[in-house]
Amino acid sequence: MELEECVADKLLWDQVALDHTLKIDDDSIKVFLPSLYIKN
C-alpha cells in the first residue's frame, strides 16, 4: 500500500469516528472531541 493510500484511509476512519461521536447524545463524550479534531 502506498503512503497516500495509508494517509487517506486513516483520515477516512478519523472522519468516521468523529461523525459517529458527534451523533452521541451524551455530554460526557465531549471530552474526546478535541483529540478527534486534532487528528483531522
PDB file of N, CA and C in Angstrom:
ATOM      1  N   MET A   1       0.847  -1.175   0.000  1.00  0.00           N
ATOM      2  CA  MET A   1       0.000   0.000   0.000  1.00  0.00           C
ATOM      3  C   MET A   1       0.893   1.240   0.000  1.00  0.00           C
ATOM      4  N   GLU A   2       0.549   2.195  -0.825  1.00  0.00           N
ATOM      5  CA  GLU A   2       1.346   3.413  -0.907  1.00  0.00           C
ATOM      6  C   GLU A   2       0.997   4.361   0.236  1.00  0.00           C
ATOM      7  N   LEU A   3       1.917   5.262   0.507  1.00  0.00           N
ATOM      8  CA  LEU A   3       1.748   6.205   1.610  1.00  0.00           C
ATOM      9  C   LEU A   3       0.463   7.020   1.467  1.00  0.00           C
ATOM     10  N   GLU A   4       0.180   7.483   0.262  1.00  0.00           N
ATOM     11  CA  GLU A   4      -1.027   8.283   0.052  1.00  0.00           C
ATOM     12  C   GLU A   4      -2.286   7.498   0.417  1.00  0.00           C
ATOM     13  N   GLU A   5      -2.304   6.220   0.082  1.00  0.00           N
ATOM     14  CA  GLU A   5      -3.454   5.384   0.405  1.00  0.00           C
ATOM     15  C   GLU A   5      -3.589   5.206   1.916  1.00  0.00           C
ATOM     16  N   CYS A   6      -2.460   5.020   2.583  1.00  0.00           N
ATOM     17  CA  CYS A   6      -2.486   4.851   4.041  1.00  0.00           C
ATOM     18  C   CYS A   6      -3.009   6.111   4.729  1.00  0.00           C
ATOM     19  N   VAL A   7      -2.538   7.261   4.280  1.00  0.00           N
ATOM     20  CA  VAL A   7      -2.969   8.523   4.871  1.00  0.00           C
ATOM     21  C   VAL A   7      -4.454   8.751   4.591  1.00  0.00           C
ATOM     22  N   ALA A   8      -4.872   8.501   3.369  1.00  0.00           N
ATOM     23  CA  ALA A   8      -6.283   8.674   3.006  1.00  0.00           C
ATOM     24  C   ALA A   8      -7.171   7.745   3.826  1.00  0.00           C
ATOM     25  N   ASP A   9      -6.750   6.510   4.016  1.00  0.00           N
ATOM     26  CA  ASP A   9      -7.527   5.552   4.814  1.00  0.00           C
ATOM     27  C   ASP A   9      -7.634   6.014   6.261  1.00  0.00           C
ATOM     28  N   LYS A  10      -6.526   6.488   6.832  1.00  0.00           N
ATOM     29  CA  LYS A  10      -6.535   6.955   8.220  1.00  0.00           C
ATOM     30  C   LYS A  10      -7.454   8.161   8.364  1.00  0.00           C
ATOM     31  N   LEU A  11      -7.367   9.097   7.439  1.00  0.00           N
ATOM     32  CA  LEU A  11      -8.229  10.274   7.514  1.00  0.00           C
ATOM     33  C   LEU A  11      -9.701   9.898   7.381  1.00  0.00           C
ATOM     34  N   LEU A  12      -9.989   8.939   6.535  1.00  0.00           N
ATOM     35  CA  LEU A  12     -11.363   8.479   6.383  1.00  0.00           C
ATOM     36  C   LEU A  12     -11.886   7.909   7.702  1.00  0.00           C
ATOM     37  N   TRP A  13     -11.099   7.042   8.335  1.00  0.00           N
ATOM     38  CA  TRP A  13     -11.543   6.440   9.590  1.00  0.00           C
ATOM     39  C   TRP A  13     -11.622   7.473  10.701  1.00  0.00           C
ATOM     40  N   ASP A  14     -10.722   8.456  10.713  1.00  0.00           N
ATOM     41  CA  ASP A  14     -10.807   9.537  11.697  1.00  0.00           C
ATOM     42  C   ASP A  14     -12.106  10.319  11.513  1.00  0.00           C
ATOM     43  N   GLN A  15     -12.475  10.575  10.263  1.00  0.00           N
ATOM     44  CA  GLN A  15     -13.711  11.305   9.987  1.00  0.00           C
ATOM     45  C   GLN A  15     -14.929  10.475  10.399  1.00  0.00           C
ATOM     46  N   VAL A  16     -14.883   9.180  10.137  1.00  0.00           N
ATOM     47  CA  VAL A  16     -15.981   8.291  10.544  1.00  0.00           C
ATOM     48  C   VAL A  16     -16.130   8.318  12.070  1.00  0.00           C
ATOM     49  N   ALA A  17     -15.022   8.236  12.778  1.00  0.00           N
ATOM     50  CA  ALA A  17     -15.065   8.275  14.244  1.00  0.00           C
ATOM     51  C   ALA A  17     -15.644   9.591  14.736  1.00  0.00           C
ATOM     52  N   LEU A  18     -15.224  10.687  14.142  1.00  0.00           N
ATOM     53  CA  LEU A  18     -15.737  11.996  14.529  1.00  0.00           C
ATOM     54  C   LEU A  18     -17.230  12.100  14.239  1.00  0.00           C
ATOM     55  N   ASP A  19     -17.647  11.670  13.065  1.00  0.00           N
ATOM     56  CA  ASP A  19     -19.064  11.730  12.697  1.00  0.00           C
ATOM     57  C   ASP A  19     -19.926  10.935  13.671  1.00  0.00           C
ATOM     58  N   HIS A  20     -19.486   9.742  14.027  1.00  0.00           N
ATOM     59  CA  HIS A  20     -20.256   8.908  14.958  1.00  0.00           C
ATOM     60  C   HIS A  20     -20.271   9.510  16.358  1.00  0.00           C
ATOM     61  N   THR A  21     -19.153  10.074  16.770  1.00  0.00           N
ATOM     62  CA  THR A  21     -19.075  10.689  18.095  1.00  0.00           C
ATOM     63  C   THR A  21     -20.020  11.880  18.191  1.00  0.00           C
ATOM     64  N   LEU A  22     -20.114  12.665  17.133  1.00  0.00           N
ATOM     65  CA  LEU A  22     -20.990  13.830  17.146  1.00  0.00           C
ATOM     66  C   LEU A  22     -22.469  13.451  17.208  1.00  0.00           C
ATOM     67  N   LYS A  23     -22.800  12.231  16.849  1.00  0.00           N
ATOM     68  CA  LYS A  23     -24.187  11.766  16.890  1.00  0.00           C
ATOM     69  C   LYS A  23     -24.605  11.276  18.274  1.00  0.00           C
ATOM     70  N   ILE A  24     -23.646  11.087  19.164  1.00  0.00           N
ATOM     71  CA  ILE A  24     -23.942  10.581  20.506  1.00  0.00           C
ATOM     72  C   ILE A  24     -24.513  11.713  21.353  1.00  0.00           C
ATOM     73  N   ASP A  25     -25.673  11.484  21.921  1.00  0.00           N
ATOM     74  CA  ASP A  25     -26.343  12.496  22.732  1.00  0.00           C
ATOM     75  C   ASP A  25     -25.997  12.281  24.209  1.00  0.00           C
ATOM     76  N   ASP A  26     -24.742  12.529  24.529  1.00  0.00           N
ATOM     77  CA  ASP A  26     -24.260  12.347  25.899  1.00  0.00           C
ATOM     78  C   ASP A  26     -23.113  13.328  26.110  1.00  0.00           C
ATOM     79  N   ASP A  27     -23.303  14.258  27.002  1.00  0.00           N
ATOM     80  CA  ASP A  27     -22.295  15.293  27.220  1.00  0.00           C
ATOM     81  C   ASP A  27     -20.952  14.742  27.681  1.00  0.00           C
ATOM     82  N   SER A  28     -20.936  13.578  28.306  1.00  0.00           N
ATOM     83  CA  SER A  28     -19.674  13.033  28.806  1.00  0.00           C
ATOM     84  C   SER A  28     -18.724  12.654  27.670  1.00  0.00           C
ATOM     85  N   ILE A  29     -19.246  12.462  26.469  1.00  0.00           N
ATOM     86  CA  ILE A  29     -18.408  12.075  25.339  1.00  0.00           C
ATOM     87  C   ILE A  29     -17.646  13.274  24.764  1.00  0.00           C
ATOM     88  N   LYS A  30     -18.103  14.474  25.104  1.00  0.00           N
ATOM     89  CA  LYS A  30     -17.497  15.686  24.546  1.00  0.00           C
ATOM     90  C   LYS A  30     -16.030  15.851  24.942  1.00  0.00           C
ATOM     91  N   VAL A  31     -15.601  15.200  26.010  1.00  0.00           N
ATOM     92  CA  VAL A  31     -14.193  15.311  26.409  1.00  0.00           C
ATOM     93  C   VAL A  31     -13.267  14.689  25.361  1.00  0.00           C
ATOM     94  N   PHE A  32     -13.805  13.818  24.511  1.00  0.00           N
ATOM     95  CA  PHE A  32     -12.989  13.172  23.489  1.00  0.00           C
ATOM     96  C   PHE A  32     -12.916  13.958  22.186  1.00  0.00           C
ATOM     97  N   LEU A  33     -13.763  14.959  22.024  1.00  0.00           N
ATOM     98  CA  LEU A  33     -13.809  15.684  20.755  1.00  0.00           C
ATOM     99  C   LEU A  33     -12.489  16.375  20.388  1.00  0.00           C
ATOM    100  N   PRO A  34     -11.797  17.026  21.322  1.00  0.00           N
ATOM    101  CA  PRO A  34     -10.542  17.674  20.906  1.00  0.00           C
ATOM    102  C   PRO A  34      -9.542  16.715  20.259  1.00  0.00           C
ATOM    103  N   SER A  35      -9.427  15.513  20.778  1.00  0.00           N
ATOM    104  CA  SER A  35      -8.476  14.562  20.184  1.00  0.00           C
ATOM    105  C   SER A  35      -8.925  14.101  18.810  1.00  0.00           C
ATOM    106  N   LEU A  36     -10.225  14.020  18.587  1.00  0.00           N
ATOM    107  CA  LEU A  36     -10.725  13.625  17.262  1.00  0.00           C
ATOM    108  C   LEU A  36     -10.528  14.748  16.253  1.00  0.00           C
ATOM    109  N   TYR A  37     -10.699  15.999  16.681  1.00  0.00           N
ATOM    110  CA  TYR A  37     -10.496  17.124  15.777  1.00  0.00           C
ATOM    111  C   TYR A  37      -9.021  17.311  15.449  1.00  0.00           C
ATOM    112  N   ILE A  38      -8.162  17.087  16.419  1.00  0.00           N
ATOM    113  CA  ILE A  38      -6.718  17.249  16.196  1.00  0.00           C
ATOM    114  C   ILE A  38      -6.224  16.268  15.138  1.00  0.00           C
ATOM    115  N   LYS A  39      -6.750  15.067  15.132  1.00  0.00           N
ATOM    116  CA  LYS A  39      -6.320  14.052  14.154  1.00  0.00           C
ATOM    117  C   LYS A  39      -6.681  14.446  12.741  1.00  0.00           C
ATOM    118  N   ASN A  40      -7.776  15.182  12.579  1.00  0.00           N
ATOM    119  CA  ASN A  40      -8.223  15.570  11.253  1.00  0.00           C
ATOM    120  C   ASN A  40      -7.524  16.816  10.891  1.00  0.00           C
TER     121      ASN A  40
END
